[in-house]
Amino acid sequence: MNPDVIDVKPAADYTLHVWFKNGEEGILDMKPYLDKGIFRALKDTAMFNTVQPFIGTIQWANQADLCPDTVYLDSVKI
């Protein structure tokens, strides 16, 4: 089981700085998702910037979210 997200901050280049419960940090590039389904709305930077931690993962105001495993495994650890 991968660690929960405890904080997330959006960046101008459609990346997310993510902090995990185990103390790790990562950068998640959201650009590959922006042409898919509900994630298209995240091209609007105002919507993209609504991202928040939510039950161990991340979620936006339009109810888009990602699997917690995806957030952890696809983020580049820093």
PDB file of N, CA and C in Angstrom:
ATOM      1  N   MET A   1       0.845  -1.186   0.000  1.00  0.00           N
ATOM      2  CA  MET A   1       0.000   0.000   0.000  1.00  0.00           C
ATOM      3  C   MET A   1       0.887   1.245   0.000  1.00  0.00           C
ATOM      4  N   ASN A   2       0.561   2.190  -0.847  1.00  0.00           N
ATOM      5  CA  ASN A   2       1.347   3.415  -0.961  1.00  0.00           C
ATOM      6  C   ASN A   2       0.885   4.444   0.054  1.00  0.00           C
ATOM      7  N   PRO A   3       1.784   5.390   0.399  1.00  0.00           N
ATOM      8  CA  PRO A   3       1.441   6.383   1.421  1.00  0.00           C
ATOM      9  C   PRO A   3       0.392   7.386   0.953  1.00  0.00           C
ATOM     10  N   ASP A   4      -0.378   7.885   1.899  1.00  0.00           N
ATOM     11  CA  ASP A   4      -1.399   8.892   1.619  1.00  0.00           C
ATOM     12  C   ASP A   4      -0.777  10.242   1.282  1.00  0.00           C
ATOM     13  N   VAL A   5      -1.496  11.017   0.498  1.00  0.00           N
ATOM     14  CA  VAL A   5      -1.147  12.407   0.231  1.00  0.00           C
ATOM     15  C   VAL A   5      -1.578  13.230   1.447  1.00  0.00           C
ATOM     16  N   ILE A   6      -0.671  14.083   1.929  1.00  0.00           N
ATOM     17  CA  ILE A   6      -1.040  14.968   3.045  1.00  0.00           C
ATOM     18  C   ILE A   6      -1.111  16.430   2.626  1.00  0.00           C
ATOM     19  N   ASP A   7      -0.465  16.777   1.492  1.00  0.00           N
ATOM     20  CA  ASP A   7      -0.550  18.146   0.983  1.00  0.00           C
ATOM     21  C   ASP A   7      -0.211  18.138  -0.494  1.00  0.00           C
ATOM     22  N   VAL A   8      -0.718  19.156  -1.185  1.00  0.00           N
ATOM     23  CA  VAL A   8      -0.460  19.286  -2.618  1.00  0.00           C
ATOM     24  C   VAL A   8      -0.516  20.764  -2.981  1.00  0.00           C
ATOM     25  N   LYS A   9       0.411  21.180  -3.850  1.00  0.00           N
ATOM     26  CA  LYS A   9       0.446  22.558  -4.342  1.00  0.00           C
ATOM     27  C   LYS A   9       0.583  22.533  -5.858  1.00  0.00           C
ATOM     28  N   PRO A  10      -0.315  23.227  -6.567  1.00  0.00           N
ATOM     29  CA  PRO A  10      -0.229  23.276  -8.029  1.00  0.00           C
ATOM     30  C   PRO A  10       0.845  24.251  -8.493  1.00  0.00           C
ATOM     31  N   ALA A  11       1.400  23.990  -9.671  1.00  0.00           N
ATOM     32  CA  ALA A  11       2.383  24.885 -10.289  1.00  0.00           C
ATOM     33  C   ALA A  11       1.854  25.328 -11.652  1.00  0.00           C
ATOM     34  N   ALA A  12       2.414  26.404 -12.171  1.00  0.00           N
ATOM     35  CA  ALA A  12       1.944  27.008 -13.423  1.00  0.00           C
ATOM     36  C   ALA A  12       2.123  26.102 -14.634  1.00  0.00           C
ATOM     37  N   ASP A  13       3.005  25.115 -14.552  1.00  0.00           N
ATOM     38  CA  ASP A  13       3.279  24.244 -15.700  1.00  0.00           C
ATOM     39  C   ASP A  13       2.465  22.938 -15.664  1.00  0.00           C
ATOM     40  N   TYR A  14       1.332  22.957 -14.963  1.00  0.00           N
ATOM     41  CA  TYR A  14       0.457  21.787 -14.823  1.00  0.00           C
ATOM     42  C   TYR A  14       1.153  20.617 -14.139  1.00  0.00           C
ATOM     43  N   THR A  15       2.007  20.959 -13.187  1.00  0.00           N
ATOM     44  CA  THR A  15       2.571  19.935 -12.323  1.00  0.00           C
ATOM     45  C   THR A  15       2.056  20.181 -10.907  1.00  0.00           C
ATOM     46  N   LEU A  16       2.172  19.147 -10.091  1.00  0.00           N
ATOM     47  CA  LEU A  16       1.759  19.229  -8.700  1.00  0.00           C
ATOM     48  C   LEU A  16       2.924  18.822  -7.809  1.00  0.00           C
ATOM     49  N   HIS A  17       3.178  19.625  -6.802  1.00  0.00           N
ATOM     50  CA  HIS A  17       4.138  19.247  -5.763  1.00  0.00           C
ATOM     51  C   HIS A  17       3.315  18.533  -4.700  1.00  0.00           C
ATOM     52  N   VAL A  18       3.654  17.276  -4.451  1.00  0.00           N
ATOM     53  CA  VAL A  18       2.857  16.434  -3.557  1.00  0.00           C
ATOM     54  C   VAL A  18       3.703  15.985  -2.373  1.00  0.00           C
ATOM     55  N   TRP A  19       3.125  16.084  -1.179  1.00  0.00           N
ATOM     56  CA  TRP A  19       3.754  15.613   0.049  1.00  0.00           C
ATOM     57  C   TRP A  19       3.009  14.371   0.524  1.00  0.00           C
ATOM     58  N   PHE A  20       3.771  13.340   0.900  1.00  0.00           N
ATOM     59  CA  PHE A  20       3.186  12.074   1.318  1.00  0.00           C
ATOM     60  C   PHE A  20       3.392  11.848   2.817  1.00  0.00           C
ATOM     61  N   LYS A  21       2.536  11.031   3.387  1.00  0.00           N
ATOM     62  CA  LYS A  21       2.543  10.763   4.825  1.00  0.00           C
ATOM     63  C   LYS A  21       3.854  10.140   5.301  1.00  0.00           C
ATOM     64  N   ASN A  22       4.567   9.447   4.429  1.00  0.00           N
ATOM     65  CA  ASN A  22       5.828   8.815   4.808  1.00  0.00           C
ATOM     66  C   ASN A  22       7.012   9.783   4.773  1.00  0.00           C
ATOM     67  N   GLY A  23       6.755  11.071   4.507  1.00  0.00           N
ATOM     68  CA  GLY A  23       7.816  12.073   4.478  1.00  0.00           C
ATOM     69  C   GLY A  23       8.380  12.354   3.096  1.00  0.00           C
ATOM     70  N   GLU A  24       8.016  11.558   2.113  1.00  0.00           N
ATOM     71  CA  GLU A  24       8.506  11.793   0.754  1.00  0.00           C
ATOM     72  C   GLU A  24       7.742  12.944   0.104  1.00  0.00           C
ATOM     73  N   GLU A  25       8.383  13.528  -0.907  1.00  0.00           N
ATOM     74  CA  GLU A  25       7.768  14.558  -1.738  1.00  0.00           C
ATOM     75  C   GLU A  25       7.961  14.153  -3.191  1.00  0.00           C
ATOM     76  N   GLY A  26       7.037  14.579  -4.030  1.00  0.00           N
ATOM     77  CA  GLY A  26       7.163  14.266  -5.442  1.00  0.00           C
ATOM     78  C   GLY A  26       6.546  15.342  -6.310  1.00  0.00           C
ATOM     79  N   ILE A  27       6.923  15.318  -7.571  1.00  0.00           N
ATOM     80  CA  ILE A  27       6.344  16.194  -8.583  1.00  0.00           C
ATOM     81  C   ILE A  27       5.560  15.302  -9.545  1.00  0.00           C
ATOM     82  N   LEU A  28       4.273  15.608  -9.680  1.00  0.00           N
ATOM     83  CA  LEU A  28       3.403  14.848 -10.573  1.00  0.00           C
ATOM     84  C   LEU A  28       3.054  15.722 -11.773  1.00  0.00           C
ATOM     85  N   ASP A  29       3.418  15.275 -12.958  1.00  0.00           N
ATOM     86  CA  ASP A  29       3.113  15.990 -14.200  1.00  0.00           C
ATOM     87  C   ASP A  29       1.712  15.604 -14.656  1.00  0.00           C
ATOM     88  N   MET A  30       0.805  16.555 -14.668  1.00  0.00           N
ATOM     89  CA  MET A  30      -0.578  16.286 -15.050  1.00  0.00           C
ATOM     90  C   MET A  30      -0.842  16.484 -16.542  1.00  0.00           C
ATOM     91  N   LYS A  31       0.134  16.990 -17.295  1.00  0.00           N
ATOM     92  CA  LYS A  31      -0.085  17.267 -18.712  1.00  0.00           C
ATOM     93  C   LYS A  31      -0.593  16.056 -19.503  1.00  0.00           C
ATOM     94  N   PRO A  32      -0.125  14.840 -19.250  1.00  0.00           N
ATOM     95  CA  PRO A  32      -0.637  13.693 -20.016  1.00  0.00           C
ATOM     96  C   PRO A  32      -2.128  13.408 -19.798  1.00  0.00           C
ATOM     97  N   TYR A  33      -2.702  13.911 -18.734  1.00  0.00           N
ATOM     98  CA  TYR A  33      -4.107  13.658 -18.417  1.00  0.00           C
ATOM     99  C   TYR A  33      -5.057  14.714 -18.990  1.00  0.00           C
ATOM    100  N   LEU A  34      -4.540  15.850 -19.403  1.00  0.00           N
ATOM    101  CA  LEU A  34      -5.383  17.010 -19.702  1.00  0.00           C
ATOM    102  C   LEU A  34      -6.253  16.883 -20.954  1.00  0.00           C
ATOM    103  N   ASP A  35      -6.055  15.860 -21.755  1.00  0.00           N
ATOM    104  CA  ASP A  35      -6.902  15.640 -22.930  1.00  0.00           C
ATOM    105  C   ASP A  35      -7.841  14.458 -22.737  1.00  0.00           C
ATOM    106  N   LYS A  36      -8.031  14.047 -21.482  1.00  0.00           N
ATOM    107  CA  LYS A  36      -8.835  12.858 -21.189  1.00  0.00           C
ATOM    108  C   LYS A  36     -10.012  13.195 -20.281  1.00  0.00           C
ATOM    109  N   GLY A  37     -11.209  12.930 -20.758  1.00  0.00           N
ATOM    110  CA  GLY A  37     -12.421  12.992 -19.951  1.00  0.00           C
ATOM    111  C   GLY A  37     -12.539  14.192 -19.033  1.00  0.00           C
ATOM    112  N   ILE A  38     -12.842  13.912 -17.781  1.00  0.00           N
ATOM    113  CA  ILE A  38     -13.078  14.951 -16.786  1.00  0.00           C
ATOM    114  C   ILE A  38     -11.852  15.845 -16.566  1.00  0.00           C
ATOM    115  N   PHE A  39     -10.664  15.338 -16.890  1.00  0.00           N
ATOM    116  CA  PHE A  39      -9.438  16.105 -16.681  1.00  0.00           C
ATOM    117  C   PHE A  39      -9.277  17.256 -17.677  1.00  0.00           C
ATOM    118  N   ARG A  40     -10.045  17.257 -18.777  1.00  0.00           N
ATOM    119  CA  ARG A  40      -9.978  18.369 -19.740  1.00  0.00           C
ATOM    120  C   ARG A  40     -10.273  19.704 -19.056  1.00  0.00           C
ATOM    121  N   ALA A  41     -11.170  19.700 -18.079  1.00  0.00           N
ATOM    122  CA  ALA A  41     -11.524  20.938 -17.370  1.00  0.00           C
ATOM    123  C   ALA A  41     -10.334  21.533 -16.617  1.00  0.00           C
ATOM    124  N   LEU A  42      -9.318  20.709 -16.362  1.00  0.00           N
ATOM    125  CA  LEU A  42      -8.157  21.194 -15.617  1.00  0.00           C
ATOM    126  C   LEU A  42      -7.225  22.055 -16.470  1.00  0.00           C
ATOM    127  N   LYS A  43      -7.487  22.139 -17.778  1.00  0.00           N
ATOM    128  CA  LYS A  43      -6.719  23.058 -18.618  1.00  0.00           C
ATOM    129  C   LYS A  43      -6.977  24.503 -18.199  1.00  0.00           C
ATOM    130  N   ASP A  44      -8.137  24.748 -17.610  1.00  0.00           N
ATOM    131  CA  ASP A  44      -8.441  26.049 -17.020  1.00  0.00           C
ATOM    132  C   ASP A  44      -7.629  26.153 -15.729  1.00  0.00           C
ATOM    133  N   THR A  45      -6.674  27.060 -15.709  1.00  0.00           N
ATOM    134  CA  THR A  45      -5.779  27.124 -14.544  1.00  0.00           C
ATOM    135  C   THR A  45      -6.522  27.411 -13.238  1.00  0.00           C
ATOM    136  N   ALA A  46      -7.614  28.143 -13.317  1.00  0.00           N
ATOM    137  CA  ALA A  46      -8.388  28.387 -12.096  1.00  0.00           C
ATOM    138  C   ALA A  46      -8.914  27.062 -11.534  1.00  0.00           C
ATOM    139  N   MET A  47      -9.379  26.178 -12.407  1.00  0.00           N
ATOM    140  CA  MET A  47      -9.850  24.862 -11.958  1.00  0.00           C
ATOM    141  C   MET A  47      -8.670  24.004 -11.506  1.00  0.00           C
ATOM    142  N   PHE A  48      -7.581  24.021 -12.266  1.00  0.00           N
ATOM    143  CA  PHE A  48      -6.398  23.237 -11.894  1.00  0.00           C
ATOM    144  C   PHE A  48      -5.930  23.601 -10.489  1.00  0.00           C
ATOM    145  N   ASN A  49      -5.991  24.873 -10.168  1.00  0.00           N
ATOM    146  CA  ASN A  49      -5.503  25.348  -8.875  1.00  0.00           C
ATOM    147  C   ASN A  49      -6.419  25.018  -7.700  1.00  0.00           C
ATOM    148  N   THR A  50      -7.568  24.402  -7.950  1.00  0.00           N
ATOM    149  CA  THR A  50      -8.457  24.012  -6.853  1.00  0.00           C
ATOM    150  C   THR A  50      -8.062  22.683  -6.224  1.00  0.00           C
ATOM    151  N   VAL A  51      -6.998  22.065  -6.677  1.00  0.00           N
ATOM    152  CA  VAL A  51      -6.583  20.756  -6.169  1.00  0.00           C
ATOM    153  C   VAL A  51      -6.356  20.790  -4.659  1.00  0.00           C
ATOM    154  N   GLN A  52      -6.778  19.717  -3.998  1.00  0.00           N
ATOM    155  CA  GLN A  52      -6.622  19.577  -2.550  1.00  0.00           C
ATOM    156  C   GLN A  52      -6.398  18.111  -2.199  1.00  0.00           C
ATOM    157  N   PRO A  53      -5.756  17.866  -1.052  1.00  0.00           N
ATOM    158  CA  PRO A  53      -5.716  16.481  -0.569  1.00  0.00           C
ATOM    159  C   PRO A  53      -7.140  16.034  -0.251  1.00  0.00           C
ATOM    160  N   PHE A  54      -7.427  14.766  -0.522  1.00  0.00           N
ATOM    161  CA  PHE A  54      -8.771  14.250  -0.291  1.00  0.00           C
ATOM    162  C   PHE A  54      -8.698  12.744  -0.056  1.00  0.00           C
ATOM    163  N   ILE A  55      -8.986  12.325   1.144  1.00  0.00           N
ATOM    164  CA  ILE A  55      -9.018  10.907   1.530  1.00  0.00           C
ATOM    165  C   ILE A  55      -7.802  10.138   0.995  1.00  0.00           C
ATOM    166  N   GLY A  56      -6.612  10.655   1.257  1.00  0.00           N
ATOM    167  CA  GLY A  56      -5.383   9.969   0.889  1.00  0.00           C
ATOM    168  C   GLY A  56      -4.897  10.198  -0.522  1.00  0.00           C
ATOM    169  N   THR A  57      -5.661  10.938  -1.314  1.00  0.00           N
ATOM    170  CA  THR A  57      -5.252  11.221  -2.684  1.00  0.00           C
ATOM    171  C   THR A  57      -5.460  12.712  -2.950  1.00  0.00           C
ATOM    172  N   ILE A  58      -5.731  13.077  -4.194  1.00  0.00           N
ATOM    173  CA  ILE A  58      -5.989  14.474  -4.549  1.00  0.00           C
ATOM    174  C   ILE A  58      -7.304  14.567  -5.307  1.00  0.00           C
ATOM    175  N   GLN A  59      -7.948  15.734  -5.184  1.00  0.00           N
ATOM    176  CA  GLN A  59      -9.216  15.958  -5.877  1.00  0.00           C
ATOM    177  C   GLN A  59      -9.334  17.435  -6.216  1.00  0.00           C
ATOM    178  N   TRP A  60     -10.032  17.706  -7.333  1.00  0.00           N
ATOM    179  CA  TRP A  60     -10.303  19.065  -7.766  1.00  0.00           C
ATOM    180  C   TRP A  60     -11.761  19.412  -7.512  1.00  0.00           C
ATOM    181  N   ALA A  61     -12.100  20.679  -7.658  1.00  0.00           N
ATOM    182  CA  ALA A  61     -13.458  21.161  -7.392  1.00  0.00           C
ATOM    183  C   ALA A  61     -14.500  20.546  -8.320  1.00  0.00           C
ATOM    184  N   ASN A  62     -14.090  20.071  -9.489  1.00  0.00           N
ATOM    185  CA  ASN A  62     -15.039  19.436 -10.418  1.00  0.00           C
ATOM    186  C   ASN A  62     -15.201  17.940 -10.131  1.00  0.00           C
ATOM    187  N   GLN A  63     -14.699  17.480  -8.999  1.00  0.00           N
ATOM    188  CA  GLN A  63     -14.761  16.086  -8.539  1.00  0.00           C
ATOM    189  C   GLN A  63     -13.777  15.155  -9.242  1.00  0.00           C
ATOM    190  N   ALA A  64     -12.924  15.671 -10.118  1.00  0.00           N
ATOM    191  CA  ALA A  64     -11.878  14.839 -10.716  1.00  0.00           C
ATOM    192  C   ALA A  64     -10.910  14.429  -9.616  1.00  0.00           C
ATOM    193  N   ASP A  65     -10.482  13.185  -9.671  1.00  0.00           N
ATOM    194  CA  ASP A  65      -9.484  12.722  -8.717  1.00  0.00           C
ATOM    195  C   ASP A  65      -8.634  11.644  -9.370  1.00  0.00           C
ATOM    196  N   LEU A  66      -7.580  11.270  -8.699  1.00  0.00           N
ATOM    197  CA  LEU A  66      -6.697  10.217  -9.182  1.00  0.00           C
ATOM    198  C   LEU A  66      -6.586   9.127  -8.127  1.00  0.00           C
ATOM    199  N   CYS A  67      -6.338   7.923  -8.570  1.00  0.00           N
ATOM    200  CA  CYS A  67      -6.065   6.814  -7.676  1.00  0.00           C
ATOM    201  C   CYS A  67      -4.824   7.177  -6.842  1.00  0.00           C
ATOM    202  N   PRO A  68      -4.843   6.926  -5.537  1.00  0.00           N
ATOM    203  CA  PRO A  68      -3.674   7.251  -4.714  1.00  0.00           C
ATOM    204  C   PRO A  68      -2.405   6.553  -5.196  1.00  0.00           C
ATOM    205  N   ASP A  69      -2.530   5.340  -5.725  1.00  0.00           N
ATOM    206  CA  ASP A  69      -1.358   4.642  -6.250  1.00  0.00           C
ATOM    207  C   ASP A  69      -0.763   5.383  -7.443  1.00  0.00           C
ATOM    208  N   THR A  70      -1.608   5.919  -8.306  1.00  0.00           N
ATOM    209  CA  THR A  70      -1.147   6.689  -9.458  1.00  0.00           C
ATOM    210  C   THR A  70      -0.387   7.918  -9.007  1.00  0.00           C
ATOM    211  N   VAL A  71      -0.924   8.625  -8.028  1.00  0.00           N
ATOM    212  CA  VAL A  71      -0.267   9.837  -7.528  1.00  0.00           C
ATOM    213  C   VAL A  71       1.126   9.497  -7.009  1.00  0.00           C
ATOM    214  N   TYR A  72       1.224   8.439  -6.227  1.00  0.00           N
ATOM    215  CA  TYR A  72       2.512   8.079  -5.630  1.00  0.00           C
ATOM    216  C   TYR A  72       3.477   7.509  -6.677  1.00  0.00           C
ATOM    217  N   LEU A  73       3.029   6.531  -7.429  1.00  0.00           N
ATOM    218  CA  LEU A  73       3.929   5.836  -8.357  1.00  0.00           C
ATOM    219  C   LEU A  73       4.353   6.693  -9.535  1.00  0.00           C
ATOM    220  N   ASP A  74       3.490   7.611  -9.992  1.00  0.00           N
ATOM    221  CA  ASP A  74       3.821   8.437 -11.160  1.00  0.00           C
ATOM    222  C   ASP A  74       4.522   9.738 -10.799  1.00  0.00           C
ATOM    223  N   SER A  75       4.613  10.049  -9.529  1.00  0.00           N
ATOM    224  CA  SER A  75       5.314  11.283  -9.156  1.00  0.00           C
ATOM    225  C   SER A  75       6.812  11.018  -9.103  1.00  0.00           C
ATOM    226  N   VAL A  76       7.570  12.011  -9.543  1.00  0.00           N
ATOM    227  CA  VAL A  76       9.031  11.936  -9.491  1.00  0.00           C
ATOM    228  C   VAL A  76       9.453  12.422  -8.111  1.00  0.00           C
ATOM    229  N   LYS A  77      10.057  11.544  -7.336  1.00  0.00           N
ATOM    230  CA  LYS A  77      10.412  11.888  -5.953  1.00  0.00           C
ATOM    231  C   LYS A  77      11.554  12.907  -5.931  1.00  0.00           C
ATOM    232  N   ILE A  78      11.435  13.846  -5.011  1.00  0.00           N
ATOM    233  CA  ILE A  78      12.476  14.875  -4.878  1.00  0.00           C
ATOM    234  C   ILE A  78      13.023  14.876  -3.461  1.00  0.00           C
TER     235      ILE A  78
END
